[in-house]
Amino acid sequence: MAKRIKELEREIRMLSSKEKAALARILIDELDSTVDENVEQLWVEEAQRRYQAFVNGELEARPGDEVMSRARQRLK
């Protein structure tokens, strides 16, 4: 099994970013068998809530690079 995973990893590294994103979506869909049918609507509502909080001065905007850097650090 470990040998096969190494082979897959090598092949995946050769994919374009677009192909990697498509593969990631497939894998996430395969792993997430408990998809809430309302998840998209819930995310829209959350985005609207956060936007309104930003407009009202309740949330501070941060540069995207900073946010992504912090997220990467948390995943390590």
Protein backbone atom coordinates (compact mmCIF):
# COMPACT_ATOMS: atom_id res chain seq x y z
CA MET A 1 0.00 0.00 0.00
CA ALA A 2 2.75 2.49 0.93
CA LYS A 3 4.45 1.86 -2.43
CA ARG A 4 1.22 2.60 -4.31
CA ILE A 5 0.70 5.80 -2.32
CA LYS A 6 4.23 6.93 -3.18
CA GLU A 7 3.49 6.27 -6.86
CA LEU A 8 0.27 8.25 -6.67
CA GLU A 9 2.01 11.10 -4.87
CA ARG A 10 4.66 11.26 -7.59
CA GLU A 11 1.98 11.33 -10.30
CA ILE A 12 -0.06 13.96 -8.45
CA ARG A 13 2.94 16.26 -8.17
CA MET A 14 3.14 16.28 -11.97
CA LEU A 15 -0.45 17.52 -12.35
CA SER A 16 -1.32 21.12 -13.09
CA SER A 17 -2.89 23.24 -10.35
CA LYS A 18 -6.26 22.93 -12.06
CA GLU A 19 -5.97 19.13 -12.19
CA LYS A 20 -4.90 19.00 -8.54
CA ALA A 21 -7.92 21.10 -7.55
CA ALA A 22 -10.24 18.78 -9.47
CA LEU A 23 -8.65 15.75 -7.78
CA ALA A 24 -8.97 17.38 -4.37
CA ARG A 25 -12.68 17.97 -4.97
CA ILE A 26 -13.15 14.32 -5.95
CA LEU A 27 -11.30 13.09 -2.85
CA ILE A 28 -13.23 15.41 -0.55
CA ASP A 29 -16.52 14.25 -2.05
CA GLU A 30 -15.46 10.62 -1.58
CA LEU A 31 -14.44 11.17 2.05
CA ASP A 32 -17.39 13.32 3.07
CA SER A 33 -20.30 10.93 2.99
CA THR A 34 -22.42 13.07 5.31
CA VAL A 35 -22.97 16.05 3.04
CA ASP A 36 -25.60 18.40 4.39
CA GLU A 37 -27.91 19.36 1.56
CA ASN A 38 -28.10 22.88 3.00
CA VAL A 39 -24.34 23.39 3.29
CA GLU A 40 -24.14 25.83 0.39
CA GLN A 41 -26.94 27.97 1.78
CA LEU A 42 -25.30 27.89 5.22
CA TRP A 43 -22.02 29.15 3.74
CA VAL A 44 -23.84 31.94 1.90
CA GLU A 45 -25.50 32.99 5.14
CA GLU A 46 -22.17 32.89 6.99
CA ALA A 47 -20.50 34.98 4.29
CA GLN A 48 -23.31 37.53 4.48
CA ARG A 49 -23.06 37.64 8.29
CA ARG A 50 -19.29 38.22 8.13
CA TYR A 51 -19.64 40.87 5.42
CA GLN A 52 -22.25 42.73 7.46
CA ALA A 53 -20.01 42.56 10.54
CA PHE A 54 -17.17 44.01 8.45
CA VAL A 55 -19.39 46.81 7.11
CA ASN A 56 -20.53 47.57 10.68
CA GLY A 57 -16.91 47.80 11.83
CA GLU A 58 -17.19 44.69 13.99
CA LEU A 59 -14.62 42.74 11.95
CA GLU A 60 -11.21 43.85 10.79
CA ALA A 61 -10.03 42.98 7.27
CA ARG A 62 -6.69 41.22 6.90
CA PRO A 63 -4.51 40.77 3.82
CA GLY A 64 -5.07 37.44 2.07
CA ASP A 65 -1.38 36.52 2.26
CA GLU A 66 -1.43 36.96 6.04
CA VAL A 67 -4.57 34.85 6.43
CA MET A 68 -3.19 32.05 4.26
CA SER A 69 0.13 32.10 6.10
CA ARG A 70 -1.61 31.77 9.45
CA ALA A 71 -3.79 28.95 8.12
CA ARG A 72 -0.74 27.07 6.85
CA GLN A 73 0.97 27.45 10.22
CA ARG A 74 -2.05 25.99 11.99
CA LEU A 75 -2.06 22.98 9.69
CA LYS A 76 1.56 22.08 10.45
